[in-house]
PDB file of all heavy atoms in Angstrom:
ATOM      1  N   VAL A   1      90.332  82.034 106.229  1.00  0.00           N
ATOM      2  CA  VAL A   1      89.047  81.785 105.618  1.00  0.00           C
ATOM      3  C   VAL A   1      88.896  80.707 104.601  1.00  0.00           C
ATOM      4  O   VAL A   1      88.044  79.804 104.712  1.00  0.00           O
ATOM      5  CB  VAL A   1      88.613  83.115 104.831  1.00  0.00           C
ATOM      6  CG1 VAL A   1      87.366  82.971 104.050  1.00  0.00           C
ATOM      7  CG2 VAL A   1      88.374  84.291 105.750  1.00  0.00           C
ATOM      8  N   SER A   2      89.910  80.542 103.765  1.00  0.00           N
ATOM      9  CA  SER A   2      89.915  79.500 102.744  1.00  0.00           C
ATOM     10  C   SER A   2      91.249  79.254 102.217  1.00  0.00           C
ATOM     11  O   SER A   2      91.785  80.331 101.721  1.00  0.00           O
ATOM     12  CB  SER A   2      88.918  79.772 101.666  1.00  0.00           C
ATOM     13  OG  SER A   2      89.039  78.828 100.611  1.00  0.00           O
ATOM     14  N   PRO A   3      91.783  78.020 102.229  1.00  0.00           N
ATOM     15  CA  PRO A   3      93.130  77.834 101.569  1.00  0.00           C
ATOM     16  C   PRO A   3      93.037  78.270 100.127  1.00  0.00           C
ATOM     17  O   PRO A   3      94.052  78.553  99.431  1.00  0.00           O
ATOM     18  CB  PRO A   3      93.254  76.284 101.656  1.00  0.00           C
ATOM     19  CG  PRO A   3      92.107  75.770 102.531  1.00  0.00           C
ATOM     20  CD  PRO A   3      91.188  76.804 102.680  1.00  0.00           C
ATOM     21  N   ALA A   4      91.942  78.264  99.308  1.00  0.00           N
ATOM     22  CA  ALA A   4      91.790  78.492  98.010  1.00  0.00           C
ATOM     23  C   ALA A   4      92.134  79.983  97.712  1.00  0.00           C
ATOM     24  O   ALA A   4      92.484  80.450  96.633  1.00  0.00           O
ATOM     25  CB  ALA A   4      90.349  78.251  97.464  1.00  0.00           C
ATOM     26  N   CYS A   5      92.100  80.900  98.751  1.00  0.00           N
ATOM     27  CA  CYS A   5      92.349  82.293  98.714  1.00  0.00           C
ATOM     28  C   CYS A   5      93.845  82.611  99.227  1.00  0.00           C
ATOM     29  O   CYS A   5      93.963  83.790  99.656  1.00  0.00           O
ATOM     30  CB  CYS A   5      91.318  83.144  99.407  1.00  0.00           C
ATOM     31  SG  CYS A   5      89.726  82.907  98.759  1.00  0.00           S
ATOM     32  N   ALA A   6      94.675  81.631  99.312  1.00  0.00           N
ATOM     33  CA  ALA A   6      95.819  81.893 100.007  1.00  0.00           C
ATOM     34  C   ALA A   6      96.711  82.954  99.354  1.00  0.00           C
ATOM     35  O   ALA A   6      96.598  83.394  98.338  1.00  0.00           O
ATOM     36  CB  ALA A   6      96.692  80.475 100.012  1.00  0.00           C
ATOM     37  N   ASN A   7      97.684  83.510 100.214  1.00  0.00           N
ATOM     38  CA  ASN A   7      98.655  84.458  99.971  1.00  0.00           C
ATOM     39  C   ASN A   7      98.608  85.139  98.598  1.00  0.00           C
ATOM     40  O   ASN A   7      99.044  84.633  97.636  1.00  0.00           O
ATOM     41  CB  ASN A   7      99.947  84.060 100.381  1.00  0.00           C
ATOM     42  CG  ASN A   7     101.068  85.157 100.394  1.00  0.00           C
ATOM     43  OD1 ASN A   7     100.659  86.221 100.433  1.00  0.00           O
ATOM     44  ND2 ASN A   7     102.274  84.686 100.597  1.00  0.00           N
ATOM     45  N   THR A   8      98.201  86.349  98.614  1.00  0.00           N
ATOM     46  CA  THR A   8      98.129  87.114  97.237  1.00  0.00           C
ATOM     47  C   THR A   8      99.235  88.158  97.322  1.00  0.00           C
ATOM     48  O   THR A   8      99.479  88.937  96.387  1.00  0.00           O
ATOM     49  CB  THR A   8      96.915  87.855  97.100  1.00  0.00           C
ATOM     50  OG1 THR A   8      96.675  88.862  98.182  1.00  0.00           O
ATOM     51  CG2 THR A   8      95.631  87.028  97.002  1.00  0.00           C
ATOM     52  N   GLY A   9     100.022  88.184  98.446  1.00  0.00           N
ATOM     53  CA  GLY A   9     101.221  89.057  98.652  1.00  0.00           C
ATOM     54  C   GLY A   9     100.618  90.465  99.059  1.00  0.00           C
ATOM     55  O   GLY A   9     101.493  91.377  99.404  1.00  0.00           O
ATOM     56  N   LEU A  10      99.371  90.669  99.413  1.00  0.00           N
ATOM     57  CA  LEU A  10      98.795  91.922 100.002  1.00  0.00           C
ATOM     58  C   LEU A  10      99.244  91.959 101.493  1.00  0.00           C
ATOM     59  O   LEU A  10      99.532  93.086 101.889  1.00  0.00           O
ATOM     60  CB  LEU A  10      97.462  92.004  99.793  1.00  0.00           C
ATOM     61  CG  LEU A  10      96.948  92.315  98.303  1.00  0.00           C
ATOM     62  CD1 LEU A  10      95.456  92.198  98.340  1.00  0.00           C
ATOM     63  CD2 LEU A  10      97.472  93.473  97.714  1.00  0.00           C
ATOM     64  N   LEU A  11      99.309  90.862 102.147  1.00  0.00           N
ATOM     65  CA  LEU A  11      99.251  90.860 103.504  1.00  0.00           C
ATOM     66  C   LEU A  11     100.206  89.641 103.988  1.00  0.00           C
ATOM     67  O   LEU A  11     100.658  88.909 103.119  1.00  0.00           O
ATOM     68  CB  LEU A  11      97.881  90.710 104.143  1.00  0.00           C
ATOM     69  CG  LEU A  11      96.845  91.589 103.944  1.00  0.00           C
ATOM     70  CD1 LEU A  11      95.604  91.280 104.383  1.00  0.00           C
ATOM     71  CD2 LEU A  11      97.313  92.941 104.533  1.00  0.00           C
ATOM     72  N   SER A  12     100.634  89.628 105.266  1.00  0.00           N
ATOM     73  CA  SER A  12     101.589  88.523 105.712  1.00  0.00           C
ATOM     74  C   SER A  12     100.835  87.271 105.530  1.00  0.00           C
ATOM     75  O   SER A  12      99.582  87.210 105.327  1.00  0.00           O
ATOM     76  CB  SER A  12     101.929  88.835 107.208  1.00  0.00           C
ATOM     77  OG  SER A  12     100.822  88.571 107.994  1.00  0.00           O
ATOM     78  N   ASN A  13     101.506  86.204 105.591  1.00  0.00           N
ATOM     79  CA  ASN A  13     101.069  84.864 105.450  1.00  0.00           C
ATOM     80  C   ASN A  13     100.046  84.455 106.456  1.00  0.00           C
ATOM     81  O   ASN A  13      99.421  83.454 106.318  1.00  0.00           O
ATOM     82  CB  ASN A  13     102.242  83.788 105.403  1.00  0.00           C
ATOM     83  CG  ASN A  13     102.995  83.934 104.166  1.00  0.00           C
ATOM     84  OD1 ASN A  13     102.636  84.475 103.156  1.00  0.00           O
ATOM     85  ND2 ASN A  13     104.321  83.548 104.175  1.00  0.00           N
ATOM     86  N   SER A  14      99.975  85.193 107.711  1.00  0.00           N
ATOM     87  CA  SER A  14      99.002  84.769 108.705  1.00  0.00           C
ATOM     88  C   SER A  14      97.653  85.364 108.396  1.00  0.00           C
ATOM     89  O   SER A  14      96.694  84.988 109.107  1.00  0.00           O
ATOM     90  CB  SER A  14      99.486  85.284 110.031  1.00  0.00           C
ATOM     91  OG  SER A  14      99.555  86.726 110.144  1.00  0.00           O
ATOM     92  N   ILE A  15      97.527  86.041 107.275  1.00  0.00           N
ATOM     93  CA  ILE A  15      96.135  86.642 107.040  1.00  0.00           C
ATOM     94  C   ILE A  15      95.804  86.180 105.549  1.00  0.00           C
ATOM     95  O   ILE A  15      96.726  86.418 104.629  1.00  0.00           O
ATOM     96  CB  ILE A  15      96.256  88.164 106.990  1.00  0.00           C
ATOM     97  CG1 ILE A  15      96.607  88.678 108.402  1.00  0.00           C
ATOM     98  CG2 ILE A  15      94.755  88.734 106.596  1.00  0.00           C
ATOM     99  CD1 ILE A  15      95.740  89.520 109.196  1.00  0.00           C
ATOM    100  N   THR A  16      94.624  85.686 105.343  1.00  0.00           N
ATOM    101  CA  THR A  16      94.224  85.120 104.100  1.00  0.00           C
ATOM    102  C   THR A  16      93.291  86.164 103.368  1.00  0.00           C
ATOM    103  O   THR A  16      92.143  86.267 104.264  1.00  0.00           O
ATOM    104  CB  THR A  16      93.691  83.716 104.187  1.00  0.00           C
ATOM    105  OG1 THR A  16      94.666  82.986 104.850  1.00  0.00           O
ATOM    106  CG2 THR A  16      93.269  83.217 102.869  1.00  0.00           C
ATOM    107  N   PRO A  17      93.367  86.789 102.326  1.00  0.00           N
ATOM    108  CA  PRO A  17      92.294  87.617 101.768  1.00  0.00           C
ATOM    109  C   PRO A  17      90.985  86.977 101.335  1.00  0.00           C
ATOM    110  O   PRO A  17      91.113  85.815 100.850  1.00  0.00           O
ATOM    111  CB  PRO A  17      92.999  88.256 100.493  1.00  0.00           C
ATOM    112  CG  PRO A  17      94.520  88.006 100.718  1.00  0.00           C
ATOM    113  CD  PRO A  17      94.553  86.753 101.540  1.00  0.00           C
ATOM    114  N   TYR A  18      90.015  87.595 101.627  1.00  0.00           N
ATOM    115  CA  TYR A  18      88.695  87.157 101.227  1.00  0.00           C
ATOM    116  C   TYR A  18      87.913  88.267 100.499  1.00  0.00           C
ATOM    117  O   TYR A  18      87.879  89.419 100.920  1.00  0.00           O
ATOM    118  CB  TYR A  18      87.778  86.823 102.505  1.00  0.00           C
ATOM    119  CG  TYR A  18      86.329  86.571 102.131  1.00  0.00           C
ATOM    120  CD1 TYR A  18      85.943  85.473 101.542  1.00  0.00           C
ATOM    121  CD2 TYR A  18      85.507  87.582 102.257  1.00  0.00           C
ATOM    122  CE1 TYR A  18      84.702  85.252 101.154  1.00  0.00           C
ATOM    123  CE2 TYR A  18      84.150  87.598 101.850  1.00  0.00           C
ATOM    124  CZ  TYR A  18      83.713  86.384 101.437  1.00  0.00           C
ATOM    125  OH  TYR A  18      82.482  86.228 100.961  1.00  0.00           O
ATOM    126  N   LEU A  19      87.474  87.987  99.308  1.00  0.00           N
ATOM    127  CA  LEU A  19      86.932  88.975  98.443  1.00  0.00           C
ATOM    128  C   LEU A  19      85.371  88.612  98.270  1.00  0.00           C
ATOM    129  O   LEU A  19      85.119  87.577  97.699  1.00  0.00           O
ATOM    130  CB  LEU A  19      87.686  88.928  97.070  1.00  0.00           C
ATOM    131  CG  LEU A  19      87.225  90.118  96.112  1.00  0.00           C
ATOM    132  CD1 LEU A  19      87.418  91.533  96.870  1.00  0.00           C
ATOM    133  CD2 LEU A  19      88.014  90.065  94.872  1.00  0.00           C
ATOM    134  N   SER A  20      84.572  89.455  98.741  1.00  0.00           N
ATOM    135  CA  SER A  20      83.090  89.268  98.577  1.00  0.00           C
ATOM    136  C   SER A  20      82.744  89.388  97.105  1.00  0.00           C
ATOM    137  O   SER A  20      83.271  90.147  96.303  1.00  0.00           O
ATOM    138  CB  SER A  20      82.359  90.429  99.385  1.00  0.00           C
ATOM    139  OG  SER A  20      81.075  90.223  99.199  1.00  0.00           O
ATOM    140  N   SER A  21      81.736  88.586  96.646  1.00  0.00           N
ATOM    141  CA  SER A  21      81.198  88.584  95.305  1.00  0.00           C
ATOM    142  C   SER A  21      79.671  88.664  95.151  1.00  0.00           C
ATOM    143  O   SER A  21      79.069  87.558  95.310  1.00  0.00           O
ATOM    144  CB  SER A  21      81.731  87.407  94.547  1.00  0.00           C
ATOM    145  OG  SER A  21      81.231  86.096  95.175  1.00  0.00           O
ATOM    146  N   GLY A  22      79.128  89.728  95.263  1.00  0.00           N
ATOM    147  CA  GLY A  22      77.664  89.941  95.186  1.00  0.00           C
ATOM    148  C   GLY A  22      77.062  89.637  96.391  1.00  0.00           C
ATOM    149  O   GLY A  22      76.658  90.391  97.181  1.00  0.00           O
ATOM    150  N   ASP A  23      76.617  88.384  96.536  1.00  0.00           N
ATOM    151  CA  ASP A  23      75.826  87.740  97.654  1.00  0.00           C
ATOM    152  C   ASP A  23      76.772  87.889  98.855  1.00  0.00           C
ATOM    153  O   ASP A  23      77.897  87.424  98.792  1.00  0.00           O
ATOM    154  CB  ASP A  23      75.447  86.465  97.428  1.00  0.00           C
ATOM    155  CG  ASP A  23      74.338  86.282  96.422  1.00  0.00           C
ATOM    156  OD1 ASP A  23      73.615  87.226  96.128  1.00  0.00           O
ATOM    157  OD2 ASP A  23      74.346  85.127  95.650  1.00  0.00           O
ATOM    158  N   GLU A  24      76.287  88.567  99.955  1.00  0.00           N
ATOM    159  CA  GLU A  24      77.076  88.745 101.171  1.00  0.00           C
ATOM    160  C   GLU A  24      77.420  87.257 101.795  1.00  0.00           C
ATOM    161  O   GLU A  24      76.567  86.492 102.021  1.00  0.00           O
ATOM    162  CB  GLU A  24      76.494  89.637 102.147  1.00  0.00           C
ATOM    163  CG  GLU A  24      77.343  89.762 103.410  1.00  0.00           C
ATOM    164  CD  GLU A  24      76.759  90.735 104.276  1.00  0.00           C
ATOM    165  OE1 GLU A  24      75.598  90.958 104.340  1.00  0.00           O
ATOM    166  OE2 GLU A  24      77.613  91.361 105.176  1.00  0.00           O
ATOM    167  N   VAL A  25      78.576  87.020 102.061  1.00  0.00           N
ATOM    168  CA  VAL A  25      79.098  85.970 102.773  1.00  0.00           C
ATOM    169  C   VAL A  25      79.426  86.352 104.250  1.00  0.00           C
ATOM    170  O   VAL A  25      80.118  87.455 104.405  1.00  0.00           O
ATOM    171  CB  VAL A  25      80.327  85.215 102.133  1.00  0.00           C
ATOM    172  CG1 VAL A  25      80.831  84.151 103.105  1.00  0.00           C
ATOM    173  CG2 VAL A  25      80.075  84.794 100.888  1.00  0.00           C
ATOM    174  N   VAL A  26      78.762  85.858 105.266  1.00  0.00           N
ATOM    175  CA  VAL A  26      79.108  86.151 106.622  1.00  0.00           C
ATOM    176  C   VAL A  26      80.142  85.258 107.209  1.00  0.00           C
ATOM    177  O   VAL A  26      79.672  84.095 107.717  1.00  0.00           O
ATOM    178  CB  VAL A  26      77.866  86.260 107.513  1.00  0.00           C
ATOM    179  CG1 VAL A  26      78.058  86.724 108.856  1.00  0.00           C
ATOM    180  CG2 VAL A  26      76.767  87.257 106.733  1.00  0.00           C
ATOM    181  N   PRO A  27      81.440  85.607 107.207  1.00  0.00           N
ATOM    182  CA  PRO A  27      82.385  84.667 107.686  1.00  0.00           C
ATOM    183  C   PRO A  27      82.331  84.684 109.291  1.00  0.00           C
ATOM    184  O   PRO A  27      81.982  85.686 109.917  1.00  0.00           O
ATOM    185  CB  PRO A  27      83.715  85.263 107.187  1.00  0.00           C
ATOM    186  CG  PRO A  27      83.332  86.682 106.896  1.00  0.00           C
ATOM    187  CD  PRO A  27      81.909  86.769 106.669  1.00  0.00           C
ATOM    188  N   ASN A  28      82.929  83.531 109.694  1.00  0.00           N
ATOM    189  CA  ASN A  28      83.062  83.481 111.260  1.00  0.00           C
ATOM    190  C   ASN A  28      84.435  83.896 111.609  1.00  0.00           C
ATOM    191  O   ASN A  28      85.441  83.494 110.929  1.00  0.00           O
ATOM    192  CB  ASN A  28      82.900  82.018 111.779  1.00  0.00           C
ATOM    193  CG  ASN A  28      81.298  81.654 111.763  1.00  0.00           C
ATOM    194  OD1 ASN A  28      80.545  82.434 111.890  1.00  0.00           O
ATOM    195  ND2 ASN A  28      81.145  80.328 111.729  1.00  0.00           N
ATOM    196  N   VAL A  29      84.554  84.652 112.733  1.00  0.00           N
ATOM    197  CA  VAL A  29      85.889  84.909 113.245  1.00  0.00           C
ATOM    198  C   VAL A  29      85.828  84.754 114.670  1.00  0.00           C
ATOM    199  O   VAL A  29      84.770  84.684 115.170  1.00  0.00           O
ATOM    200  CB  VAL A  29      86.253  86.442 112.918  1.00  0.00           C
ATOM    201  CG1 VAL A  29      86.388  86.716 111.485  1.00  0.00           C
ATOM    202  CG2 VAL A  29      85.217  87.432 113.442  1.00  0.00           C
ATOM    203  N   THR A  30      87.009  84.622 115.297  1.00  0.00           N
ATOM    204  CA  THR A  30      87.088  84.567 116.710  1.00  0.00           C
ATOM    205  C   THR A  30      87.890  85.812 117.348  1.00  0.00           C
ATOM    206  O   THR A  30      88.695  86.433 116.638  1.00  0.00           O
ATOM    207  CB  THR A  30      87.886  83.313 117.064  1.00  0.00           C
ATOM    208  OG1 THR A  30      89.200  83.288 116.568  1.00  0.00           O
ATOM    209  CG2 THR A  30      87.233  82.066 116.536  1.00  0.00           C
ATOM    210  N   PRO A  31      87.527  86.094 118.523  1.00  0.00           N
ATOM    211  CA  PRO A  31      88.354  87.079 119.294  1.00  0.00           C
ATOM    212  C   PRO A  31      89.777  86.786 118.971  1.00  0.00           C
ATOM    213  O   PRO A  31      90.276  85.736 119.233  1.00  0.00           O
ATOM    214  CB  PRO A  31      87.877  87.191 120.612  1.00  0.00           C
ATOM    215  CG  PRO A  31      86.546  86.537 120.543  1.00  0.00           C
ATOM    216  CD  PRO A  31      86.558  85.501 119.519  1.00  0.00           C
ATOM    217  N   GLY A  32      90.548  87.979 118.750  1.00  0.00           N
ATOM    218  CA  GLY A  32      91.992  87.770 118.567  1.00  0.00           C
ATOM    219  C   GLY A  32      92.363  87.723 117.048  1.00  0.00           C
ATOM    220  O   GLY A  32      93.532  87.869 116.609  1.00  0.00           O
ATOM    221  N   ASP A  33      91.493  87.246 116.134  1.00  0.00           N
ATOM    222  CA  ASP A  33      91.789  87.080 114.726  1.00  0.00           C
ATOM    223  C   ASP A  33      92.113  88.541 114.254  1.00  0.00           C
ATOM    224  O   ASP A  33      91.573  89.512 114.626  1.00  0.00           O
ATOM    225  CB  ASP A  33      90.502  86.670 113.979  1.00  0.00           C
ATOM    226  CG  ASP A  33      90.388  85.163 114.041  1.00  0.00           C
ATOM    227  OD1 ASP A  33      91.186  84.433 114.466  1.00  0.00           O
ATOM    228  OD2 ASP A  33      89.339  84.651 113.552  1.00  0.00           O
ATOM    229  N   GLN A  34      92.917  88.692 113.260  1.00  0.00           N
ATOM    230  CA  GLN A  34      93.334  89.839 112.543  1.00  0.00           C
ATOM    231  C   GLN A  34      92.467  89.921 111.176  1.00  0.00           C
ATOM    232  O   GLN A  34      92.299  88.920 110.661  1.00  0.00           O
ATOM    233  CB  GLN A  34      94.745  90.051 112.255  1.00  0.00           C
ATOM    234  CG  GLN A  34      95.664  90.168 113.480  1.00  0.00           C
ATOM    235  CD  GLN A  34      97.067  90.421 113.178  1.00  0.00           C
ATOM    236  OE1 GLN A  34      97.390  90.833 112.054  1.00  0.00           O
ATOM    237  NE2 GLN A  34      97.961  90.071 114.028  1.00  0.00           N
ATOM    238  N   ILE A  35      91.962  91.176 110.946  1.00  0.00           N
ATOM    239  CA  ILE A  35      91.365  91.316 109.727  1.00  0.00           C
ATOM    240  C   ILE A  35      91.997  92.567 109.097  1.00  0.00           C
ATOM    241  O   ILE A  35      92.426  93.440 109.946  1.00  0.00           O
ATOM    242  CB  ILE A  35      89.809  91.579 109.921  1.00  0.00           C
ATOM    243  CG1 ILE A  35      89.492  92.848 110.696  1.00  0.00           C
ATOM    244  CG2 ILE A  35      89.133  90.365 110.485  1.00  0.00           C
ATOM    245  CD1 ILE A  35      87.948  93.169 110.585  1.00  0.00           C
TER     246      ILE A  35
END
């Protein structure tokens, strides 16, 4: 999603956490992506 949100230790390095803040952000994903 964004390098600015890189590895917080919650998940493996192949998954980047995204935290919504009030206004909904509709991210793009592709088939096969892990969430």
